[in-house]
Amino acid sequence: MNRLSLALVSFGFFLLSGCGGPGSGDSCDGGDYVCQDDAQALECRNGEWRALACRGPLGCRELSDSVRCDTSLNLENDACALAAEGRGGCAPDGKSLLLCEGGVLKKTDACSSCTVQGDQAVCNP
């Protein structure tokens, strides 16, 4: 079973179980994750491997039984993991809120500044 440890608001890292070496678009079973390279993870969704950006400074790293993907600098329209649906945070420029909806990060509000306070993103007008 997959494990996800996602900074609820700032995307941060997510921790996902998985192993192997598939490519984007290859068929798969279950809901595993793997690192395709240092800056991209793959998620098995609906029977096919799907690319997920890991734009943060720590990129994508495979640990003993999991994958750690730093999504802290991911952008609007980047793909997001099924486990991140309904979660979001501040855009890297601090000027908007992003929310994972339908497998894609979507801008929900523009801000003069966006900050994370505890487990909530605050969008200042």
N, C-alpha and C. Protein backbone atom coordinates (compact mmCIF):
# COMPACT_ATOMS: atom_id res chain seq x y z
N MET A 1 0.85 -1.18 0.00
CA MET A 1 0.00 0.00 0.00
C MET A 1 0.89 1.24 0.00
N ASN A 2 0.48 2.26 -0.67
CA ASN A 2 1.27 3.50 -0.76
C ASN A 2 1.18 4.28 0.53
N ARG A 3 2.27 4.99 0.82
CA ARG A 3 2.28 5.89 1.96
C ARG A 3 2.54 7.27 1.41
N LEU A 4 1.86 8.26 1.96
CA LEU A 4 2.07 9.62 1.51
C LEU A 4 2.27 10.52 2.70
N SER A 5 3.36 11.24 2.69
CA SER A 5 3.62 12.22 3.73
C SER A 5 3.81 13.54 3.01
N LEU A 6 2.75 14.31 2.91
CA LEU A 6 2.75 15.53 2.12
C LEU A 6 2.55 16.71 3.05
N ALA A 7 3.42 17.71 2.95
CA ALA A 7 3.18 18.93 3.70
C ALA A 7 1.86 19.46 3.16
N LEU A 8 0.84 19.45 3.97
CA LEU A 8 -0.52 19.70 3.50
C LEU A 8 -0.64 20.98 2.70
N VAL A 9 0.12 21.96 3.03
CA VAL A 9 -0.09 23.22 2.37
C VAL A 9 1.05 23.61 1.45
N SER A 10 2.23 23.31 1.79
CA SER A 10 3.35 23.79 1.01
C SER A 10 3.87 22.73 0.05
N PHE A 11 3.10 21.71 -0.22
CA PHE A 11 3.49 20.58 -1.04
C PHE A 11 4.68 19.87 -0.41
N GLY A 12 5.82 20.57 -0.23
CA GLY A 12 6.97 19.99 0.44
C GLY A 12 7.43 18.71 -0.20
N PHE A 13 7.41 17.64 0.55
CA PHE A 13 7.80 16.33 0.06
C PHE A 13 6.59 15.44 0.09
N PHE A 14 6.60 14.46 -0.77
CA PHE A 14 5.66 13.39 -0.52
C PHE A 14 6.40 12.07 -0.55
N LEU A 15 5.96 11.18 0.31
CA LEU A 15 6.61 9.89 0.50
C LEU A 15 5.69 8.84 -0.06
N LEU A 16 6.20 8.05 -0.99
CA LEU A 16 5.37 7.11 -1.71
C LEU A 16 6.10 5.78 -1.81
N SER A 17 5.38 4.68 -1.69
CA SER A 17 6.05 3.39 -1.80
C SER A 17 6.22 3.01 -3.25
N GLY A 18 7.24 2.23 -3.53
CA GLY A 18 7.42 1.75 -4.89
C GLY A 18 8.85 1.34 -5.16
N CYS A 19 9.03 0.63 -6.27
CA CYS A 19 10.35 0.25 -6.72
C CYS A 19 10.25 -0.12 -8.20
N GLY A 20 11.39 -0.23 -8.88
CA GLY A 20 11.37 -0.64 -10.27
C GLY A 20 11.89 0.43 -11.19
N GLY A 21 11.71 0.25 -12.50
CA GLY A 21 12.24 1.18 -13.47
C GLY A 21 11.37 1.36 -14.69
N PRO A 22 10.09 1.62 -14.55
CA PRO A 22 9.22 1.80 -15.71
C PRO A 22 9.41 3.19 -16.34
N GLY A 23 8.74 3.41 -17.45
CA GLY A 23 8.74 4.70 -18.10
C GLY A 23 7.34 5.26 -18.18
N SER A 24 7.24 6.56 -18.37
CA SER A 24 5.95 7.23 -18.50
C SER A 24 5.17 6.61 -19.66
N GLY A 25 3.91 6.26 -19.40
CA GLY A 25 3.06 5.66 -20.42
C GLY A 25 3.07 4.14 -20.41
N ASP A 26 4.04 3.51 -19.74
CA ASP A 26 4.05 2.05 -19.63
C ASP A 26 2.87 1.59 -18.78
N SER A 27 2.43 0.37 -18.98
CA SER A 27 1.32 -0.15 -18.17
C SER A 27 1.84 -0.58 -16.80
N CYS A 28 0.92 -0.57 -15.83
CA CYS A 28 1.27 -0.91 -14.45
C CYS A 28 0.04 -1.41 -13.72
N ASP A 29 0.26 -1.98 -12.54
CA ASP A 29 -0.82 -2.42 -11.65
C ASP A 29 -0.65 -1.72 -10.32
N GLY A 30 -1.75 -1.43 -9.66
CA GLY A 30 -1.69 -0.86 -8.32
C GLY A 30 -1.47 0.63 -8.34
N GLY A 31 -0.88 1.15 -7.28
CA GLY A 31 -0.69 2.58 -7.13
C GLY A 31 0.72 2.91 -6.68
N ASP A 32 1.71 2.22 -7.24
CA ASP A 32 3.09 2.43 -6.84
C ASP A 32 3.67 3.72 -7.41
N TYR A 33 4.86 4.08 -6.91
CA TYR A 33 5.61 5.25 -7.37
C TYR A 33 7.07 4.84 -7.51
N VAL A 34 7.76 5.45 -8.47
CA VAL A 34 9.20 5.26 -8.65
C VAL A 34 9.79 6.58 -9.11
N CYS A 35 11.10 6.72 -8.96
CA CYS A 35 11.80 7.87 -9.54
C CYS A 35 12.18 7.51 -10.97
N GLN A 36 11.78 8.36 -11.91
CA GLN A 36 12.20 8.16 -13.28
C GLN A 36 13.61 8.72 -13.46
N ASP A 37 13.87 9.85 -12.80
CA ASP A 37 15.20 10.46 -12.77
C ASP A 37 15.27 11.36 -11.54
N ASP A 38 16.29 12.21 -11.45
CA ASP A 38 16.48 13.05 -10.25
C ASP A 38 15.39 14.10 -10.06
N ALA A 39 14.64 14.43 -11.10
CA ALA A 39 13.65 15.52 -11.00
C ALA A 39 12.23 15.07 -11.33
N GLN A 40 12.01 13.76 -11.42
CA GLN A 40 10.68 13.30 -11.81
C GLN A 40 10.36 11.94 -11.22
N ALA A 41 9.15 11.83 -10.66
CA ALA A 41 8.64 10.55 -10.17
C ALA A 41 7.61 10.05 -11.17
N LEU A 42 7.30 8.77 -11.08
CA LEU A 42 6.22 8.18 -11.85
C LEU A 42 5.21 7.61 -10.88
N GLU A 43 3.93 7.84 -11.16
CA GLU A 43 2.83 7.32 -10.35
C GLU A 43 2.04 6.34 -11.21
N CYS A 44 1.75 5.17 -10.68
CA CYS A 44 0.88 4.22 -11.37
C CYS A 44 -0.56 4.64 -11.09
N ARG A 45 -1.21 5.15 -12.12
CA ARG A 45 -2.59 5.62 -11.98
C ARG A 45 -3.41 5.11 -13.16
N ASN A 46 -4.53 4.48 -12.87
CA ASN A 46 -5.42 3.94 -13.90
C ASN A 46 -4.69 3.01 -14.87
N GLY A 47 -3.77 2.19 -14.34
CA GLY A 47 -3.10 1.19 -15.15
C GLY A 47 -1.96 1.69 -16.02
N GLU A 48 -1.55 2.95 -15.81
CA GLU A 48 -0.47 3.52 -16.63
C GLU A 48 0.44 4.40 -15.77
N TRP A 49 1.76 4.33 -16.02
CA TRP A 49 2.70 5.20 -15.31
C TRP A 49 2.54 6.63 -15.80
N ARG A 50 2.45 7.56 -14.86
CA ARG A 50 2.21 8.98 -15.13
C ARG A 50 3.31 9.80 -14.47
N ALA A 51 3.91 10.75 -15.20
CA ALA A 51 5.02 11.56 -14.69
C ALA A 51 4.54 12.61 -13.71
N LEU A 52 5.31 12.80 -12.62
CA LEU A 52 5.07 13.84 -11.62
C LEU A 52 6.37 14.61 -11.42
N ALA A 53 6.33 15.92 -11.57
CA ALA A 53 7.52 16.74 -11.38
C ALA A 53 7.92 16.79 -9.91
N CYS A 54 9.22 16.79 -9.67
CA CYS A 54 9.81 16.94 -8.33
C CYS A 54 10.76 18.13 -8.44
N ARG A 55 10.21 19.34 -8.58
CA ARG A 55 10.99 20.54 -8.88
C ARG A 55 11.77 21.11 -7.70
N GLY A 56 11.47 20.68 -6.49
CA GLY A 56 12.16 21.18 -5.30
C GLY A 56 13.63 20.81 -5.31
N PRO A 57 14.43 21.44 -4.46
CA PRO A 57 15.88 21.24 -4.48
C PRO A 57 16.33 19.81 -4.19
N LEU A 58 15.51 19.00 -3.53
CA LEU A 58 15.89 17.63 -3.24
C LEU A 58 15.42 16.63 -4.29
N GLY A 59 14.66 17.10 -5.29
CA GLY A 59 14.26 16.26 -6.42
C GLY A 59 13.55 14.99 -6.01
N CYS A 60 13.86 13.91 -6.73
CA CYS A 60 13.26 12.60 -6.48
C CYS A 60 14.34 11.66 -5.99
N ARG A 61 14.05 10.96 -4.88
CA ARG A 61 15.01 10.02 -4.30
C ARG A 61 14.29 8.74 -3.91
N GLU A 62 14.86 7.61 -4.29
CA GLU A 62 14.31 6.32 -3.86
C GLU A 62 15.00 5.90 -2.57
N LEU A 63 14.19 5.58 -1.58
CA LEU A 63 14.68 5.09 -0.30
C LEU A 63 14.46 3.58 -0.28
N SER A 64 14.65 2.94 0.83
CA SER A 64 14.55 1.48 0.89
C SER A 64 13.21 0.94 0.39
N ASP A 65 12.10 1.52 0.81
CA ASP A 65 10.79 1.03 0.37
C ASP A 65 9.85 2.16 -0.02
N SER A 66 10.42 3.30 -0.40
CA SER A 66 9.58 4.43 -0.74
C SER A 66 10.29 5.37 -1.70
N VAL A 67 9.53 6.33 -2.21
CA VAL A 67 10.06 7.37 -3.08
C VAL A 67 9.75 8.71 -2.43
N ARG A 68 10.74 9.58 -2.38
CA ARG A 68 10.55 10.92 -1.82
C ARG A 68 10.68 11.91 -2.97
N CYS A 69 9.61 12.69 -3.20
CA CYS A 69 9.56 13.66 -4.29
C CYS A 69 9.36 15.04 -3.69
N ASP A 70 10.33 15.93 -3.90
CA ASP A 70 10.24 17.30 -3.38
C ASP A 70 9.44 18.14 -4.36
N THR A 71 8.19 18.42 -4.00
CA THR A 71 7.29 19.17 -4.86
C THR A 71 7.16 20.63 -4.43
N SER A 72 8.07 21.09 -3.59
CA SER A 72 7.96 22.43 -3.00
C SER A 72 8.02 23.56 -4.04
N LEU A 73 8.58 23.32 -5.21
CA LEU A 73 8.66 24.37 -6.24
C LEU A 73 7.83 24.03 -7.47
N ASN A 74 6.88 23.11 -7.32
CA ASN A 74 6.04 22.76 -8.46
C ASN A 74 5.16 23.93 -8.85
N LEU A 75 4.78 23.93 -10.14
CA LEU A 75 4.10 25.06 -10.76
C LEU A 75 2.66 24.74 -11.14
N GLU A 76 1.89 25.79 -11.39
CA GLU A 76 0.54 25.63 -11.91
C GLU A 76 0.61 24.75 -13.16
N ASN A 77 -0.34 23.85 -13.29
CA ASN A 77 -0.47 22.90 -14.41
C ASN A 77 0.47 21.71 -14.33
N ASP A 78 1.32 21.63 -13.28
CA ASP A 78 2.10 20.41 -13.08
C ASP A 78 1.16 19.31 -12.64
N ALA A 79 1.47 18.07 -13.00
CA ALA A 79 0.70 16.93 -12.53
C ALA A 79 0.92 16.76 -11.03
N CYS A 80 -0.10 16.28 -10.33
CA CYS A 80 0.03 16.01 -8.90
C CYS A 80 -0.50 14.61 -8.62
N ALA A 81 -0.03 14.01 -7.54
CA ALA A 81 -0.37 12.64 -7.18
C ALA A 81 -1.82 12.51 -6.73
N LEU A 82 -2.38 11.34 -6.97
CA LEU A 82 -3.74 11.05 -6.53
C LEU A 82 -3.87 11.28 -5.03
N ALA A 83 -2.85 10.93 -4.26
CA ALA A 83 -2.89 11.10 -2.81
C ALA A 83 -2.85 12.57 -2.40
N ALA A 84 -2.51 13.48 -3.32
CA ALA A 84 -2.45 14.91 -3.01
C ALA A 84 -3.74 15.64 -3.39
N GLU A 85 -4.72 14.92 -3.96
CA GLU A 85 -5.98 15.54 -4.37
C GLU A 85 -6.61 16.33 -3.22
N GLY A 86 -7.03 17.55 -3.53
CA GLY A 86 -7.68 18.40 -2.55
C GLY A 86 -6.72 19.14 -1.64
N ARG A 87 -5.43 18.94 -1.83
CA ARG A 87 -4.41 19.60 -1.00
C ARG A 87 -3.67 20.61 -1.85
N GLY A 88 -3.07 21.56 -1.19
CA GLY A 88 -2.35 22.56 -1.95
C GLY A 88 -1.45 23.40 -1.10
N GLY A 89 -1.02 24.50 -1.68
CA GLY A 89 -0.11 25.40 -0.99
C GLY A 89 0.19 26.61 -1.82
N CYS A 90 1.29 27.27 -1.48
CA CYS A 90 1.69 28.49 -2.17
C CYS A 90 2.49 28.15 -3.43
N ALA A 91 2.29 28.94 -4.47
CA ALA A 91 3.12 28.83 -5.67
C ALA A 91 4.53 29.27 -5.31
N PRO A 92 5.54 28.81 -6.05
CA PRO A 92 6.93 29.16 -5.73
C PRO A 92 7.20 30.67 -5.64
N ASP A 93 6.48 31.47 -6.42
CA ASP A 93 6.69 32.92 -6.38
C ASP A 93 5.98 33.60 -5.22
N GLY A 94 5.18 32.84 -4.45
CA GLY A 94 4.47 33.40 -3.30
C GLY A 94 3.34 34.34 -3.67
N LYS A 95 2.86 34.28 -4.91
CA LYS A 95 1.83 35.21 -5.38
C LYS A 95 0.48 34.54 -5.64
N SER A 96 0.37 33.23 -5.37
CA SER A 96 -0.90 32.55 -5.58
C SER A 96 -0.98 31.25 -4.79
N LEU A 97 -2.21 30.77 -4.64
CA LEU A 97 -2.48 29.48 -4.03
C LEU A 97 -2.67 28.46 -5.15
N LEU A 98 -2.12 27.27 -4.96
CA LEU A 98 -2.29 26.17 -5.91
C LEU A 98 -2.98 25.02 -5.20
N LEU A 99 -3.88 24.34 -5.89
CA LEU A 99 -4.62 23.22 -5.33
C LEU A 99 -4.56 22.05 -6.31
N CYS A 100 -4.35 20.84 -5.81
CA CYS A 100 -4.35 19.65 -6.65
C CYS A 100 -5.79 19.24 -6.91
N GLU A 101 -6.22 19.36 -8.17
CA GLU A 101 -7.58 19.01 -8.58
C GLU A 101 -7.51 18.22 -9.88
N GLY A 102 -8.09 17.04 -9.90
CA GLY A 102 -8.11 16.24 -11.12
C GLY A 102 -6.73 15.86 -11.61
N GLY A 103 -5.77 15.72 -10.69
CA GLY A 103 -4.43 15.32 -11.06
C GLY A 103 -3.53 16.43 -11.56
N VAL A 104 -3.99 17.69 -11.41
CA VAL A 104 -3.21 18.84 -11.90
C VAL A 104 -3.26 19.96 -10.86
N LEU A 105 -2.13 20.66 -10.67
CA LEU A 105 -2.11 21.82 -9.78
C LEU A 105 -2.79 23.00 -10.48
N LYS A 106 -3.78 23.56 -9.80
CA LYS A 106 -4.54 24.67 -10.37
C LYS A 106 -4.45 25.89 -9.46
N LYS A 107 -4.29 27.05 -10.06
CA LYS A 107 -4.27 28.30 -9.32
C LYS A 107 -5.69 28.58 -8.84
N THR A 108 -5.84 28.79 -7.52
CA THR A 108 -7.18 29.06 -6.99
C THR A 108 -7.36 30.51 -6.58
N ASP A 109 -6.29 31.20 -6.17
CA ASP A 109 -6.37 32.60 -5.76
C ASP A 109 -5.07 33.31 -6.05
N ALA A 110 -5.16 34.58 -6.42
CA ALA A 110 -3.97 35.43 -6.56
C ALA A 110 -3.78 36.17 -5.24
N CYS A 111 -2.53 36.43 -4.86
CA CYS A 111 -2.22 37.05 -3.58
C CYS A 111 -1.14 38.11 -3.77
N SER A 112 -1.08 39.05 -2.85
CA SER A 112 0.08 39.93 -2.82
C SER A 112 1.24 39.16 -2.21
N SER A 113 0.90 38.25 -1.28
CA SER A 113 1.88 37.32 -0.73
C SER A 113 1.14 36.10 -0.19
N CYS A 114 1.75 34.96 -0.36
CA CYS A 114 1.21 33.70 0.15
C CYS A 114 2.24 33.12 1.10
N THR A 115 1.80 32.77 2.29
CA THR A 115 2.71 32.20 3.28
C THR A 115 2.06 30.97 3.91
N VAL A 116 2.89 30.10 4.43
CA VAL A 116 2.41 28.92 5.13
C VAL A 116 2.50 29.19 6.62
N GLN A 117 1.38 28.99 7.30
CA GLN A 117 1.32 29.16 8.75
C GLN A 117 0.77 27.87 9.33
N GLY A 118 1.66 27.09 9.95
CA GLY A 118 1.26 25.78 10.46
C GLY A 118 0.97 24.87 9.29
N ASP A 119 -0.26 24.36 9.19
CA ASP A 119 -0.62 23.49 8.09
C ASP A 119 -1.59 24.17 7.13
N GLN A 120 -1.57 25.51 7.11
CA GLN A 120 -2.46 26.27 6.24
C GLN A 120 -1.70 27.29 5.43
N ALA A 121 -2.09 27.43 4.17
CA ALA A 121 -1.55 28.50 3.33
C ALA A 121 -2.45 29.71 3.51
N VAL A 122 -1.81 30.88 3.66
CA VAL A 122 -2.57 32.12 3.85
C VAL A 122 -2.26 33.03 2.67
N CYS A 123 -3.32 33.42 1.98
CA CYS A 123 -3.22 34.29 0.82
C CYS A 123 -3.59 35.70 1.24
N ASN A 124 -2.59 36.60 1.28
CA ASN A 124 -2.83 37.98 1.67
C ASN A 124 -3.21 38.81 0.45
N PRO A 125 -4.32 39.56 0.53
CA PRO A 125 -4.79 40.32 -0.63
C PRO A 125 -3.83 41.43 -1.04
